[in-house]
Structures are given as C-alpha cells and as structure tokens.
Amino acid sequence: MIGIFKTNINTQKEKKRVIRALSGEFSATMCTLDLEDCDKVLRVDCPQMQEHQVISFVRDLGYQCAVLE
C-alpha cells in the first residue's frame, strides 16, 4: 500500500515522532511528511498495511489524518 494522507502535523518534532512511530510499528519502507504543503501531506509505503490502519494509528497519536483526495 502506498498511501497519501492529509494531516495537521505542524512541527519538525511532531513529524519525527510520527515517522518514527509508523516506521517502528509497521516497518514502512518509506514514510515522508511535507510540512511545507498546506495539507501537511504524509506519504507511507508499507506493503503489509491498509489505509485505515495508518489513519487510526496517526489519530491515536493525537493528530488528524485522512486520505488525501
């Protein structure tokens, strides 16, 4: 699954926390977050994960997350 999500993650500290958590929990092969984009776009490449799992996980960390359309 390659997912692209809209988030409300705003700082470098938050970005590092979320990427570290996703990479550790799901062994994502690629995980990036563009803080310069107005949608704070999170991209996740993880074969064994579904979009709803990413959304739920990021929300559990305290951030908004939705599939970017």
C-alpha atoms as a PDB file:
ATOM      1  CA  MET A   1       0.000   0.000   0.000  1.00  0.00           C
ATOM      2  CA  ILE A   2       1.201   3.466  -0.875  1.00  0.00           C
ATOM      3  CA  GLY A   3      -0.987   5.933   0.977  1.00  0.00           C
ATOM      4  CA  ILE A   4      -1.180   9.696   0.760  1.00  0.00           C
ATOM      5  CA  PHE A   5      -2.826  11.442   3.684  1.00  0.00           C
ATOM      6  CA  LYS A   6      -3.767  14.942   4.797  1.00  0.00           C
ATOM      7  CA  THR A   7      -2.699  15.693   8.386  1.00  0.00           C
ATOM      8  CA  ASN A   8      -2.442  18.520  10.898  1.00  0.00           C
ATOM      9  CA  ILE A   9       1.155  17.782  11.870  1.00  0.00           C
ATOM     10  CA  ASN A  10       2.947  21.138  12.046  1.00  0.00           C
ATOM     11  CA  THR A  11       6.404  20.914  13.598  1.00  0.00           C
ATOM     12  CA  GLN A  12       9.627  19.029  12.938  1.00  0.00           C
ATOM     13  CA  LYS A  13       9.323  17.430  16.377  1.00  0.00           C
ATOM     14  CA  GLU A  14       5.820  16.116  15.584  1.00  0.00           C
ATOM     15  CA  LYS A  15       6.978  14.971  12.155  1.00  0.00           C
ATOM     16  CA  LYS A  16       9.878  12.964  13.598  1.00  0.00           C
ATOM     17  CA  ARG A  17       7.628  11.435  16.267  1.00  0.00           C
ATOM     18  CA  VAL A  18       5.009  10.260  13.752  1.00  0.00           C
ATOM     19  CA  ILE A  19       7.505   8.936  11.201  1.00  0.00           C
ATOM     20  CA  ARG A  20       9.468   7.099  13.903  1.00  0.00           C
ATOM     21  CA  ALA A  21       6.270   5.584  15.305  1.00  0.00           C
ATOM     22  CA  LEU A  22       4.959   4.486  11.885  1.00  0.00           C
ATOM     23  CA  SER A  23       8.307   3.044  10.833  1.00  0.00           C
ATOM     24  CA  GLY A  24       8.694   1.164  14.098  1.00  0.00           C
ATOM     25  CA  GLU A  25       5.152  -0.161  14.337  1.00  0.00           C
ATOM     26  CA  PHE A  26       4.607  -1.169  10.714  1.00  0.00           C
ATOM     27  CA  SER A  27       8.097  -1.421   9.172  1.00  0.00           C
ATOM     28  CA  ALA A  28       7.198   1.130   6.500  1.00  0.00           C
ATOM     29  CA  THR A  29       9.702   1.091   3.631  1.00  0.00           C
ATOM     30  CA  MET A  30       9.152   4.806   3.034  1.00  0.00           C
ATOM     31  CA  CYS A  31       7.488   7.399   5.199  1.00  0.00           C
ATOM     32  CA  THR A  32       7.671  11.149   4.493  1.00  0.00           C
ATOM     33  CA  LEU A  33       5.794  14.197   5.660  1.00  0.00           C
ATOM     34  CA  ASP A  34       5.800  17.516   3.782  1.00  0.00           C
ATOM     35  CA  LEU A  35       5.394  20.317   6.316  1.00  0.00           C
ATOM     36  CA  GLU A  36       5.622  22.950   3.551  1.00  0.00           C
ATOM     37  CA  ASP A  37       2.460  21.697   1.842  1.00  0.00           C
ATOM     38  CA  CYS A  38      -0.816  23.264   3.038  1.00  0.00           C
ATOM     39  CA  ASP A  39      -2.218  19.740   3.617  1.00  0.00           C
ATOM     40  CA  LYS A  40       0.833  18.567   5.593  1.00  0.00           C
ATOM     41  CA  VAL A  41       0.995  15.534   3.299  1.00  0.00           C
ATOM     42  CA  LEU A  42       2.033  12.213   4.810  1.00  0.00           C
ATOM     43  CA  ARG A  43       3.165   9.528   2.350  1.00  0.00           C
ATOM     44  CA  VAL A  44       3.515   5.965   3.553  1.00  0.00           C
ATOM     45  CA  ASP A  45       4.761   2.957   1.587  1.00  0.00           C
ATOM     46  CA  CYS A  46       4.119  -0.231   3.523  1.00  0.00           C
ATOM     47  CA  PRO A  47       3.082  -3.482   1.813  1.00  0.00           C
ATOM     48  CA  GLN A  48       1.505  -5.078   4.913  1.00  0.00           C
ATOM     49  CA  MET A  49      -0.620  -2.091   5.938  1.00  0.00           C
ATOM     50  CA  GLN A  50      -4.003  -0.716   4.899  1.00  0.00           C
ATOM     51  CA  GLU A  51      -5.035   2.968   4.714  1.00  0.00           C
ATOM     52  CA  HIS A  52      -7.463   2.664   7.625  1.00  0.00           C
ATOM     53  CA  GLN A  53      -4.640   1.341   9.826  1.00  0.00           C
ATOM     54  CA  VAL A  54      -2.484   4.398   9.105  1.00  0.00           C
ATOM     55  CA  ILE A  55      -5.387   6.752   9.785  1.00  0.00           C
ATOM     56  CA  SER A  56      -6.237   5.029  13.062  1.00  0.00           C
ATOM     57  CA  PHE A  57      -2.608   4.906  14.182  1.00  0.00           C
ATOM     58  CA  VAL A  58      -1.927   8.588  13.459  1.00  0.00           C
ATOM     59  CA  ARG A  59      -5.189   9.583  15.157  1.00  0.00           C
ATOM     60  CA  ASP A  60      -4.191   7.534  18.202  1.00  0.00           C
ATOM     61  CA  LEU A  61      -1.007   9.630  18.327  1.00  0.00           C
ATOM     62  CA  GLY A  62      -3.249  12.693  18.624  1.00  0.00           C
ATOM     63  CA  TYR A  63      -3.266  14.078  15.080  1.00  0.00           C
ATOM     64  CA  GLN A  64      -5.840  14.398  12.333  1.00  0.00           C
ATOM     65  CA  CYS A  65      -5.342  12.109   9.362  1.00  0.00           C
ATOM     66  CA  ALA A  66      -7.462  11.449   6.286  1.00  0.00           C
ATOM     67  CA  VAL A  67      -6.902  10.096   2.794  1.00  0.00           C
ATOM     68  CA  LEU A  68      -5.928  12.963   0.505  1.00  0.00           C
ATOM     69  CA  GLU A  69      -8.282  13.147  -2.440  1.00  0.00           C
END
